[in-house]
PDB file of N, CA and C in Angstrom:
ATOM      1  N   MET A   1     -20.280   4.015  -1.369  1.00  0.00           N
ATOM      2  CA  MET A   1     -19.334   3.199  -0.648  1.00  0.00           C
ATOM      3  C   MET A   1     -18.216   2.770  -1.603  1.00  0.00           C
ATOM      4  N   SER A   2     -17.001   2.627  -1.064  1.00  0.00           N
ATOM      5  CA  SER A   2     -15.835   2.315  -1.885  1.00  0.00           C
ATOM      6  C   SER A   2     -15.040   1.157  -1.296  1.00  0.00           C
ATOM      7  N   THR A   3     -14.187   0.584  -2.127  1.00  0.00           N
ATOM      8  CA  THR A   3     -13.198  -0.402  -1.701  1.00  0.00           C
ATOM      9  C   THR A   3     -11.827   0.099  -2.131  1.00  0.00           C
ATOM     10  N   VAL A   4     -10.779  -0.411  -1.465  1.00  0.00           N
ATOM     11  CA  VAL A   4      -9.411   0.010  -1.758  1.00  0.00           C
ATOM     12  C   VAL A   4      -8.571  -1.210  -2.104  1.00  0.00           C
ATOM     13  N   SER A   5      -7.738  -1.066  -3.127  1.00  0.00           N
ATOM     14  CA  SER A   5      -6.769  -2.100  -3.476  1.00  0.00           C
ATOM     15  C   SER A   5      -5.417  -1.431  -3.686  1.00  0.00           C
ATOM     16  N   THR A   6      -4.354  -2.252  -3.717  1.00  0.00           N
ATOM     17  CA  THR A   6      -3.016  -1.722  -3.959  1.00  0.00           C
ATOM     18  C   THR A   6      -2.174  -2.754  -4.687  1.00  0.00           C
ATOM     19  N   HIS A   7      -1.073  -2.293  -5.250  1.00  0.00           N
ATOM     20  CA  HIS A   7      -0.118  -3.145  -5.950  1.00  0.00           C
ATOM     21  C   HIS A   7       1.254  -2.536  -5.702  1.00  0.00           C
ATOM     22  N   VAL A   8       2.191  -3.327  -5.202  1.00  0.00           N
ATOM     23  CA  VAL A   8       3.532  -2.825  -4.913  1.00  0.00           C
ATOM     24  C   VAL A   8       4.514  -3.475  -5.869  1.00  0.00           C
ATOM     25  N   LEU A   9       5.265  -2.643  -6.589  1.00  0.00           N
ATOM     26  CA  LEU A   9       6.277  -3.129  -7.522  1.00  0.00           C
ATOM     27  C   LEU A   9       7.650  -2.699  -7.036  1.00  0.00           C
ATOM     28  N   ASP A  10       8.575  -3.633  -6.998  1.00  0.00           N
ATOM     29  CA  ASP A  10       9.957  -3.361  -6.608  1.00  0.00           C
ATOM     30  C   ASP A  10      10.725  -3.000  -7.877  1.00  0.00           C
ATOM     31  N   ALA A  11      11.004  -1.712  -8.049  1.00  0.00           N
ATOM     32  CA  ALA A  11      11.655  -1.232  -9.277  1.00  0.00           C
ATOM     33  C   ALA A  11      13.089  -1.724  -9.399  1.00  0.00           C
ATOM     34  N   THR A  12      13.756  -2.014  -8.286  1.00  0.00           N
ATOM     35  CA  THR A  12      15.143  -2.480  -8.360  1.00  0.00           C
ATOM     36  C   THR A  12      15.220  -3.901  -8.890  1.00  0.00           C
ATOM     37  N   ARG A  13      14.186  -4.666  -8.648  1.00  0.00           N
ATOM     38  CA  ARG A  13      14.153  -6.053  -9.129  1.00  0.00           C
ATOM     39  C   ARG A  13      13.326  -6.202 -10.394  1.00  0.00           C
ATOM     40  N   GLY A  14      12.509  -5.194 -10.692  1.00  0.00           N
ATOM     41  CA  GLY A  14      11.603  -5.305 -11.829  1.00  0.00           C
ATOM     42  C   GLY A  14      10.584  -6.400 -11.608  1.00  0.00           C
ATOM     43  N   ALA A  15      10.102  -6.503 -10.360  1.00  0.00           N
ATOM     44  CA  ALA A  15       9.205  -7.594  -9.996  1.00  0.00           C
ATOM     45  C   ALA A  15       8.230  -7.134  -8.917  1.00  0.00           C
ATOM     46  N   PRO A  16       7.132  -7.865  -8.738  1.00  0.00           N
ATOM     47  CA  PRO A  16       6.209  -7.538  -7.656  1.00  0.00           C
ATOM     48  C   PRO A  16       6.899  -7.663  -6.301  1.00  0.00           C
ATOM     49  N   ALA A  17       6.477  -6.833  -5.356  1.00  0.00           N
ATOM     50  CA  ALA A  17       7.000  -6.886  -3.988  1.00  0.00           C
ATOM     51  C   ALA A  17       6.022  -7.694  -3.138  1.00  0.00           C
ATOM     52  N   SER A  18       6.319  -8.968  -2.981  1.00  0.00           N
ATOM     53  CA  SER A  18       5.427  -9.829  -2.207  1.00  0.00           C
ATOM     54  C   SER A  18       5.767  -9.752  -0.720  1.00  0.00           C
ATOM     55  N   GLY A  19       4.749  -9.956   0.102  1.00  0.00           N
ATOM     56  CA  GLY A  19       4.938 -10.004   1.547  1.00  0.00           C
ATOM     57  C   GLY A  19       5.097  -8.659   2.227  1.00  0.00           C
ATOM     58  N   VAL A  20       4.774  -7.554   1.538  1.00  0.00           N
ATOM     59  CA  VAL A  20       4.851  -6.233   2.157  1.00  0.00           C
ATOM     60  C   VAL A  20       3.612  -6.051   3.042  1.00  0.00           C
ATOM     61  N   GLU A  21       3.845  -5.758   4.321  1.00  0.00           N
ATOM     62  CA  GLU A  21       2.720  -5.491   5.211  1.00  0.00           C
ATOM     63  C   GLU A  21       2.176  -4.094   4.925  1.00  0.00           C
ATOM     64  N   VAL A  22       0.859  -4.009   4.764  1.00  0.00           N
ATOM     65  CA  VAL A  22       0.193  -2.737   4.460  1.00  0.00           C
ATOM     66  C   VAL A  22      -0.939  -2.542   5.460  1.00  0.00           C
ATOM     67  N   THR A  23      -0.955  -1.363   6.070  1.00  0.00           N
ATOM     68  CA  THR A  23      -1.998  -1.023   7.032  1.00  0.00           C
ATOM     69  C   THR A  23      -2.897   0.046   6.436  1.00  0.00           C
ATOM     70  N   LEU A  24      -4.193  -0.182   6.497  1.00  0.00           N
ATOM     71  CA  LEU A  24      -5.192   0.805   6.092  1.00  0.00           C
ATOM     72  C   LEU A  24      -5.733   1.455   7.356  1.00  0.00           C
ATOM     73  N   SER A  25      -5.702   2.784   7.394  1.00  0.00           N
ATOM     74  CA  SER A  25      -6.201   3.497   8.575  1.00  0.00           C
ATOM     75  C   SER A  25      -6.976   4.735   8.160  1.00  0.00           C
ATOM     76  N   SER A  26      -7.733   5.262   9.118  1.00  0.00           N
ATOM     77  CA  SER A  26      -8.470   6.497   8.924  1.00  0.00           C
ATOM     78  C   SER A  26      -8.563   7.202  10.273  1.00  0.00           C
ATOM     79  N   ALA A  27      -8.245   8.490  10.303  1.00  0.00           N
ATOM     80  CA  ALA A  27      -8.292   9.300  11.525  1.00  0.00           C
ATOM     81  C   ALA A  27      -7.512   8.632  12.661  1.00  0.00           C
ATOM     82  N   GLY A  28      -6.375   8.021  12.325  1.00  0.00           N
ATOM     83  CA  GLY A  28      -5.518   7.400  13.327  1.00  0.00           C
ATOM     84  C   GLY A  28      -5.959   6.023  13.784  1.00  0.00           C
ATOM     85  N   ALA A  29      -7.095   5.539  13.297  1.00  0.00           N
ATOM     86  CA  ALA A  29      -7.599   4.222  13.687  1.00  0.00           C
ATOM     87  C   ALA A  29      -7.264   3.185  12.618  1.00  0.00           C
ATOM     88  N   GLU A  30      -6.629   2.100  13.037  1.00  0.00           N
ATOM     89  CA  GLU A  30      -6.303   1.024  12.103  1.00  0.00           C
ATOM     90  C   GLU A  30      -7.575   0.284  11.714  1.00  0.00           C
ATOM     91  N   LEU A  31      -7.794   0.141  10.402  1.00  0.00           N
ATOM     92  CA  LEU A  31      -8.957  -0.573   9.886  1.00  0.00           C
ATOM     93  C   LEU A  31      -8.614  -1.988   9.454  1.00  0.00           C
ATOM     94  N   ALA A  32      -7.395  -2.177   8.916  1.00  0.00           N
ATOM     95  CA  ALA A  32      -6.967  -3.495   8.447  1.00  0.00           C
ATOM     96  C   ALA A  32      -5.461  -3.510   8.290  1.00  0.00           C
ATOM     97  N   ARG A  33      -4.888  -4.710   8.446  1.00  0.00           N
ATOM     98  CA  ARG A  33      -3.455  -4.917   8.233  1.00  0.00           C
ATOM     99  C   ARG A  33      -3.332  -6.252   7.494  1.00  0.00           C
ATOM    100  N   ILE A  34      -2.671  -6.211   6.337  1.00  0.00           N
ATOM    101  CA  ILE A  34      -2.582  -7.397   5.488  1.00  0.00           C
ATOM    102  C   ILE A  34      -1.284  -7.313   4.675  1.00  0.00           C
ATOM    103  N   ARG A  35      -0.807  -8.449   4.163  1.00  0.00           N
ATOM    104  CA  ARG A  35       0.415  -8.486   3.345  1.00  0.00           C
ATOM    105  C   ARG A  35       0.063  -8.683   1.871  1.00  0.00           C
ATOM    106  N   THR A  36       0.929  -8.113   1.021  1.00  0.00           N
ATOM    107  CA  THR A  36       0.741  -8.300  -0.411  1.00  0.00           C
ATOM    108  C   THR A  36       0.957  -9.773  -0.769  1.00  0.00           C
ATOM    109  N   ASP A  37       0.258 -10.227  -1.792  1.00  0.00           N
ATOM    110  CA  ASP A  37       0.376 -11.611  -2.236  1.00  0.00           C
ATOM    111  C   ASP A  37       1.623 -11.802  -3.106  1.00  0.00           C
ATOM    112  N   ASP A  38       1.771 -12.967  -3.713  1.00  0.00           N
ATOM    113  CA  ASP A  38       2.957 -13.257  -4.526  1.00  0.00           C
ATOM    114  C   ASP A  38       3.094 -12.330  -5.725  1.00  0.00           C
ATOM    115  N   ASP A  39       1.986 -11.720  -6.150  1.00  0.00           N
ATOM    116  CA  ASP A  39       2.010 -10.784  -7.267  1.00  0.00           C
ATOM    117  C   ASP A  39       2.121  -9.339  -6.784  1.00  0.00           C
ATOM    118  N   GLY A  40       2.399  -9.143  -5.476  1.00  0.00           N
ATOM    119  CA  GLY A  40       2.548  -7.806  -4.924  1.00  0.00           C
ATOM    120  C   GLY A  40       1.237  -7.061  -4.750  1.00  0.00           C
ATOM    121  N   ARG A  41       0.131  -7.785  -4.751  1.00  0.00           N
ATOM    122  CA  ARG A  41      -1.188  -7.151  -4.739  1.00  0.00           C
ATOM    123  C   ARG A  41      -1.975  -7.426  -3.458  1.00  0.00           C
ATOM    124  N   ILE A  42      -2.816  -6.474  -3.144  1.00  0.00           N
ATOM    125  CA  ILE A  42      -3.920  -6.672  -2.202  1.00  0.00           C
ATOM    126  C   ILE A  42      -5.145  -6.243  -2.989  1.00  0.00           C
ATOM    127  N   SER A  43      -5.948  -7.222  -3.389  1.00  0.00           N
ATOM    128  CA  SER A  43      -7.071  -6.917  -4.278  1.00  0.00           C
ATOM    129  C   SER A  43      -8.207  -6.211  -3.544  1.00  0.00           C
ATOM    130  N   GLU A  44      -8.297  -6.437  -2.247  1.00  0.00           N
ATOM    131  CA  GLU A  44      -9.299  -5.735  -1.452  1.00  0.00           C
ATOM    132  C   GLU A  44      -8.957  -5.917   0.016  1.00  0.00           C
ATOM    133  N   PHE A  45      -9.058  -4.861   0.784  1.00  0.00           N
ATOM    134  CA  PHE A  45      -8.802  -4.956   2.218  1.00  0.00           C
ATOM    135  C   PHE A  45     -10.014  -5.568   2.910  1.00  0.00           C
ATOM    136  N   PRO A  46      -9.786  -6.379   3.936  1.00  0.00           N
ATOM    137  CA  PRO A  46     -10.894  -7.075   4.611  1.00  0.00           C
ATOM    138  C   PRO A  46     -11.643  -6.141   5.572  1.00  0.00           C
ATOM    139  N   VAL A  47     -12.291  -5.146   4.997  1.00  0.00           N
ATOM    140  CA  VAL A  47     -13.102  -4.204   5.768  1.00  0.00           C
ATOM    141  C   VAL A  47     -14.402  -3.983   5.011  1.00  0.00           C
ATOM    142  N   PRO A  48     -15.429  -3.539   5.711  1.00  0.00           N
ATOM    143  CA  PRO A  48     -16.653  -3.170   4.984  1.00  0.00           C
ATOM    144  C   PRO A  48     -16.343  -2.047   3.997  1.00  0.00           C
ATOM    145  N   THR A  49     -17.230  -1.801   3.085  1.00  0.00           N
ATOM    146  CA  THR A  49     -17.010  -0.713   2.134  1.00  0.00           C
ATOM    147  C   THR A  49     -16.795   0.592   2.892  1.00  0.00           C
ATOM    148  N   LEU A  50     -16.023   1.467   2.309  1.00  0.00           N
ATOM    149  CA  LEU A  50     -15.563   2.675   2.988  1.00  0.00           C
ATOM    150  C   LEU A  50     -16.398   3.895   2.612  1.00  0.00           C
ATOM    151  N   GLU A  51     -16.694   4.687   3.600  1.00  0.00           N
ATOM    152  CA  GLU A  51     -17.416   5.945   3.408  1.00  0.00           C
ATOM    153  C   GLU A  51     -16.467   6.978   2.798  1.00  0.00           C
ATOM    154  N   PRO A  52     -16.996   8.021   2.180  1.00  0.00           N
ATOM    155  CA  PRO A  52     -16.132   9.113   1.743  1.00  0.00           C
ATOM    156  C   PRO A  52     -15.337   9.664   2.929  1.00  0.00           C
ATOM    157  N   GLY A  53     -14.071   9.985   2.682  1.00  0.00           N
ATOM    158  CA  GLY A  53     -13.224  10.506   3.743  1.00  0.00           C
ATOM    159  C   GLY A  53     -11.760  10.367   3.386  1.00  0.00           C
ATOM    160  N   THR A  54     -10.906  10.609   4.373  1.00  0.00           N
ATOM    161  CA  THR A  54      -9.462  10.548   4.192  1.00  0.00           C
ATOM    162  C   THR A  54      -8.923   9.263   4.808  1.00  0.00           C
ATOM    163  N   TYR A  55      -8.073   8.563   4.056  1.00  0.00           N
ATOM    164  CA  TYR A  55      -7.516   7.283   4.475  1.00  0.00           C
ATOM    165  C   TYR A  55      -6.011   7.289   4.241  1.00  0.00           C
ATOM    166  N   THR A  56      -5.311   6.386   4.928  1.00  0.00           N
ATOM    167  CA  THR A  56      -3.876   6.239   4.749  1.00  0.00           C
ATOM    168  C   THR A  56      -3.528   4.769   4.582  1.00  0.00           C
ATOM    169  N   LEU A  57      -2.700   4.487   3.588  1.00  0.00           N
ATOM    170  CA  LEU A  57      -2.068   3.178   3.449  1.00  0.00           C
ATOM    171  C   LEU A  57      -0.627   3.348   3.905  1.00  0.00           C
ATOM    172  N   THR A  58      -0.199   2.530   4.866  1.00  0.00           N
ATOM    173  CA  THR A  58       1.178   2.570   5.344  1.00  0.00           C
ATOM    174  C   THR A  58       1.848   1.265   4.959  1.00  0.00           C
ATOM    175  N   PHE A  59       2.900   1.364   4.170  1.00  0.00           N
ATOM    176  CA  PHE A  59       3.625   0.217   3.643  1.00  0.00           C
ATOM    177  C   PHE A  59       4.885   0.003   4.485  1.00  0.00           C
ATOM    178  N   ALA A  60       5.093  -1.193   5.005  1.00  0.00           N
ATOM    179  CA  ALA A  60       6.265  -1.508   5.835  1.00  0.00           C
ATOM    180  C   ALA A  60       7.453  -1.821   4.929  1.00  0.00           C
ATOM    181  N   THR A  61       7.995  -0.792   4.314  1.00  0.00           N
ATOM    182  CA  THR A  61       9.055  -0.953   3.326  1.00  0.00           C
ATOM    183  C   THR A  61      10.393  -1.340   3.959  1.00  0.00           C
ATOM    184  N   GLY A  62      10.660  -0.860   5.160  1.00  0.00           N
ATOM    185  CA  GLY A  62      11.908  -1.215   5.843  1.00  0.00           C
ATOM    186  C   GLY A  62      11.989  -2.704   6.098  1.00  0.00           C
ATOM    187  N   GLU A  63      10.899  -3.272   6.567  1.00  0.00           N
ATOM    188  CA  GLU A  63      10.842  -4.713   6.820  1.00  0.00           C
ATOM    189  C   GLU A  63      11.035  -5.497   5.515  1.00  0.00           C
ATOM    190  N   TYR A  64      10.381  -5.027   4.452  1.00  0.00           N
ATOM    191  CA  TYR A  64      10.495  -5.693   3.149  1.00  0.00           C
ATOM    192  C   TYR A  64      11.950  -5.722   2.681  1.00  0.00           C
ATOM    193  N   PHE A  65      12.637  -4.578   2.710  1.00  0.00           N
ATOM    194  CA  PHE A  65      14.025  -4.540   2.249  1.00  0.00           C
ATOM    195  C   PHE A  65      14.967  -5.267   3.207  1.00  0.00           C
ATOM    196  N   ALA A  66      14.687  -5.253   4.500  1.00  0.00           N
ATOM    197  CA  ALA A  66      15.519  -5.988   5.462  1.00  0.00           C
ATOM    198  C   ALA A  66      15.512  -7.480   5.141  1.00  0.00           C
ATOM    199  N   ARG A  67      14.360  -8.019   4.757  1.00  0.00           N
ATOM    200  CA  ARG A  67      14.277  -9.445   4.376  1.00  0.00           C
ATOM    201  C   ARG A  67      15.139  -9.736   3.147  1.00  0.00           C
ATOM    202  N   ARG A  68      15.409  -8.717   2.348  1.00  0.00           N
ATOM    203  CA  ARG A  68      16.237  -8.865   1.146  1.00  0.00           C
ATOM    204  C   ARG A  68      17.669  -8.400   1.387  1.00  0.00           C
ATOM    205  N   HIS A  69      18.004  -8.123   2.641  1.00  0.00           N
ATOM    206  CA  HIS A  69      19.350  -7.671   3.014  1.00  0.00           C
ATOM    207  C   HIS A  69      19.763  -6.463   2.183  1.00  0.00           C
ATOM    208  N   THR A  70      18.814  -5.523   2.053  1.00  0.00           N
ATOM    209  CA  THR A  70      19.023  -4.322   1.260  1.00  0.00           C
ATOM    210  C   THR A  70      18.795  -3.093   2.131  1.00  0.00           C
ATOM    211  N   GLU A  71      19.767  -2.182   2.153  1.00  0.00           N
ATOM    212  CA  GLU A  71      19.617  -0.934   2.891  1.00  0.00           C
ATOM    213  C   GLU A  71      18.531  -0.080   2.238  1.00  0.00           C
ATOM    214  N   THR A  72      17.747   0.610   3.061  1.00  0.00           N
ATOM    215  CA  THR A  72      16.726   1.511   2.529  1.00  0.00           C
ATOM    216  C   THR A  72      16.670   2.785   3.352  1.00  0.00           C
ATOM    217  N   PHE A  73      16.269   3.847   2.726  1.00  0.00           N
ATOM    218  CA  PHE A  73      16.136   5.143   3.385  1.00  0.00           C
ATOM    219  C   PHE A  73      14.786   5.278   4.087  1.00  0.00           C
ATOM    220  N   TYR A  74      13.780   4.562   3.589  1.00  0.00           N
ATOM    221  CA  TYR A  74      12.416   4.697   4.089  1.00  0.00           C
ATOM    222  C   TYR A  74      11.995   3.473   4.896  1.00  0.00           C
ATOM    223  N   PRO A  75      11.860   3.591   6.222  1.00  0.00           N
ATOM    224  CA  PRO A  75      11.383   2.458   7.012  1.00  0.00           C
ATOM    225  C   PRO A  75       9.913   2.155   6.727  1.00  0.00           C
ATOM    226  N   GLU A  76       9.182   3.176   6.291  1.00  0.00           N
ATOM    227  CA  GLU A  76       7.798   2.977   5.872  1.00  0.00           C
ATOM    228  C   GLU A  76       7.428   4.075   4.890  1.00  0.00           C
ATOM    229  N   VAL A  77       6.413   3.790   4.105  1.00  0.00           N
ATOM    230  CA  VAL A  77       5.855   4.769   3.180  1.00  0.00           C
ATOM    231  C   VAL A  77       4.378   4.912   3.522  1.00  0.00           C
ATOM    232  N   ALA A  78       3.949   6.125   3.806  1.00  0.00           N
ATOM    233  CA  ALA A  78       2.545   6.401   4.103  1.00  0.00           C
ATOM    234  C   ALA A  78       1.949   7.210   2.955  1.00  0.00           C
ATOM    235  N   VAL A  79       0.871   6.707   2.395  1.00  0.00           N
ATOM    236  CA  VAL A  79       0.178   7.385   1.303  1.00  0.00           C
ATOM    237  C   VAL A  79      -1.216   7.749   1.801  1.00  0.00           C
ATOM    238  N   THR A  80      -1.470   9.035   1.917  1.00  0.00           N
ATOM    239  CA  THR A  80      -2.773   9.515   2.378  1.00  0.00           C
ATOM    240  C   THR A  80      -3.569   9.982   1.163  1.00  0.00           C
ATOM    241  N   PHE A  81      -4.831   9.594   1.110  1.00  0.00           N
ATOM    242  CA  PHE A  81      -5.670   9.881  -0.048  1.00  0.00           C
ATOM    243  C   PHE A  81      -7.113  10.097   0.400  1.00  0.00           C
ATOM    244  N   ARG A  82      -7.880  10.688  -0.487  1.00  0.00           N
ATOM    245  CA  ARG A  82      -9.302  10.929  -0.209  1.00  0.00           C
ATOM    246  C   ARG A  82     -10.174  10.061  -1.084  1.00  0.00           C
ATOM    247  N   ILE A  83     -11.224   9.544  -0.468  1.00  0.00           N
ATOM    248  CA  ILE A  83     -12.286   8.857  -1.196  1.00  0.00           C
ATOM    249  C   ILE A  83     -13.464   9.813  -1.234  1.00  0.00           C
ATOM    250  N   GLY A  84     -13.901  10.151  -2.435  1.00  0.00           N
ATOM    251  CA  GLY A  84     -14.963  11.128  -2.577  1.00  0.00           C
ATOM    252  C   GLY A  84     -16.336  10.544  -2.834  1.00  0.00           C
ATOM    253  N   GLY A  85     -16.379   9.334  -3.332  1.00  0.00           N
ATOM    254  CA  GLY A  85     -17.664   8.733  -3.664  1.00  0.00           C
ATOM    255  C   GLY A  85     -17.527   7.240  -3.818  1.00  0.00           C
ATOM    256  N   ALA A  86     -18.563   6.635  -4.355  1.00  0.00           N
ATOM    257  CA  ALA A  86     -18.602   5.182  -4.499  1.00  0.00           C
ATOM    258  C   ALA A  86     -17.648   4.719  -5.594  1.00  0.00           C
ATOM    259  N   GLY A  87     -17.186   3.493  -5.452  1.00  0.00           N
ATOM    260  CA  GLY A  87     -16.336   2.893  -6.466  1.00  0.00           C
ATOM    261  C   GLY A  87     -15.088   2.282  -5.885  1.00  0.00           C
ATOM    262  N   LYS A  88     -14.279   1.752  -6.765  1.00  0.00           N
ATOM    263  CA  LYS A  88     -13.025   1.118  -6.364  1.00  0.00           C
ATOM    264  C   LYS A  88     -11.887   2.124  -6.471  1.00  0.00           C
ATOM    265  N   VAL A  89     -11.058   2.187  -5.416  1.00  0.00           N
ATOM    266  CA  VAL A  89      -9.886   3.056  -5.410  1.00  0.00           C
ATOM    267  C   VAL A  89      -8.651   2.157  -5.415  1.00  0.00           C
ATOM    268  N   HIS A  90      -7.759   2.387  -6.380  1.00  0.00           N
ATOM    269  CA  HIS A  90      -6.543   1.590  -6.497  1.00  0.00           C
ATOM    270  C   HIS A  90      -5.347   2.506  -6.289  1.00  0.00           C
ATOM    271  N   VAL A  91      -4.465   2.142  -5.329  1.00  0.00           N
ATOM    272  CA  VAL A  91      -3.318   2.975  -4.972  1.00  0.00           C
ATOM    273  C   VAL A  91      -2.034   2.161  -5.157  1.00  0.00           C
ATOM    274  N   PRO A  92      -1.412   2.208  -6.340  1.00  0.00           N
ATOM    275  CA  PRO A  92      -0.167   1.480  -6.576  1.00  0.00           C
ATOM    276  C   PRO A  92       1.036   2.195  -5.950  1.00  0.00           C
ATOM    277  N   LEU A  93       2.067   1.409  -5.641  1.00  0.00           N
ATOM    278  CA  LEU A  93       3.320   1.950  -5.112  1.00  0.00           C
ATOM    279  C   LEU A  93       4.465   1.351  -5.913  1.00  0.00           C
ATOM    280  N   LEU A  94       5.268   2.210  -6.532  1.00  0.00           N
ATOM    281  CA  LEU A  94       6.488   1.811  -7.226  1.00  0.00           C
ATOM    282  C   LEU A  94       7.635   2.120  -6.275  1.00  0.00           C
ATOM    283  N   LEU A  95       8.382   1.091  -5.886  1.00  0.00           N
ATOM    284  CA  LEU A  95       9.290   1.177  -4.759  1.00  0.00           C
ATOM    285  C   LEU A  95      10.729   0.848  -5.140  1.00  0.00           C
ATOM    286  N   SER A  96      11.662   1.606  -4.570  1.00  0.00           N
ATOM    287  CA  SER A  96      13.083   1.261  -4.607  1.00  0.00           C
ATOM    288  C   SER A  96      13.649   1.652  -3.244  1.00  0.00           C
ATOM    289  N   PRO A  97      14.871   1.258  -2.910  1.00  0.00           N
ATOM    290  CA  PRO A  97      15.393   1.533  -1.574  1.00  0.00           C
ATOM    291  C   PRO A  97      15.502   3.021  -1.220  1.00  0.00           C
ATOM    292  N   PHE A  98      15.645   3.886  -2.226  1.00  0.00           N
ATOM    293  CA  PHE A  98      15.858   5.299  -1.935  1.00  0.00           C
ATOM    294  C   PHE A  98      14.864   6.230  -2.631  1.00  0.00           C
ATOM    295  N   SER A  99      13.793   5.668  -3.153  1.00  0.00           N
ATOM    296  CA  SER A  99      12.736   6.503  -3.746  1.00  0.00           C
ATOM    297  C   SER A  99      11.462   5.673  -3.882  1.00  0.00           C
ATOM    298  N   TYR A 100      10.361   6.390  -4.081  1.00  0.00           N
ATOM    299  CA  TYR A 100       9.098   5.722  -4.368  1.00  0.00           C
ATOM    300  C   TYR A 100       8.202   6.699  -5.106  1.00  0.00           C
ATOM    301  N   SER A 101       7.207   6.160  -5.792  1.00  0.00           N
ATOM    302  CA  SER A 101       6.184   6.990  -6.411  1.00  0.00           C
ATOM    303  C   SER A 101       4.859   6.256  -6.316  1.00  0.00           C
ATOM    304  N   THR A 102       3.809   7.028  -6.405  1.00  0.00           N
ATOM    305  CA  THR A 102       2.460   6.475  -6.319  1.00  0.00           C
ATOM    306  C   THR A 102       1.544   7.319  -7.175  1.00  0.00           C
ATOM    307  N   TYR A 103       0.375   6.789  -7.468  1.00  0.00           N
ATOM    308  CA  TYR A 103      -0.604   7.489  -8.276  1.00  0.00           C
ATOM    309  C   TYR A 103      -1.964   6.847  -8.058  1.00  0.00           C
ATOM    310  N   ARG A 104      -3.007   7.490  -8.512  1.00  0.00           N
ATOM    311  CA  ARG A 104      -4.323   6.868  -8.446  1.00  0.00           C
ATOM    312  C   ARG A 104      -4.469   5.972  -9.668  1.00  0.00           C
ATOM    313  N   GLY A 105      -4.561   4.694  -9.407  1.00  0.00           N
ATOM    314  CA  GLY A 105      -4.699   3.715 -10.476  1.00  0.00           C
ATOM    315  C   GLY A 105      -6.153   3.458 -10.806  1.00  0.00           C
ATOM    316  N   SER A 106      -6.335   2.503 -11.694  1.00  0.00           N
ATOM    317  CA  SER A 106      -7.703   2.139 -12.075  1.00  0.00           C
ATOM    318  C   SER A 106      -7.924   0.655 -11.890  1.00  0.00           C
TER     319      SER A 106
END
């Protein structure tokens, strides 16, 4: 069984992206929806531990930039990933209005 966490950093500000709504889903079914804290983090989604499988984190980036009166190309960012076994999975997002990157964190 696994858990998922994330951290969103706003590269244009060089600061955490607080208040970003993030949805965790699997096979089209929403499992949880929560906002990043003041440090841009979600330390754990409020769901039971996750079985091996494919999951998606969808970040409401358009809403985040709209609150900052900043134009963005991406209304949302969806990151699909696989959980293969037990443990903690960390999926960071480095964000700017016209680009983003992600990786498997620790």
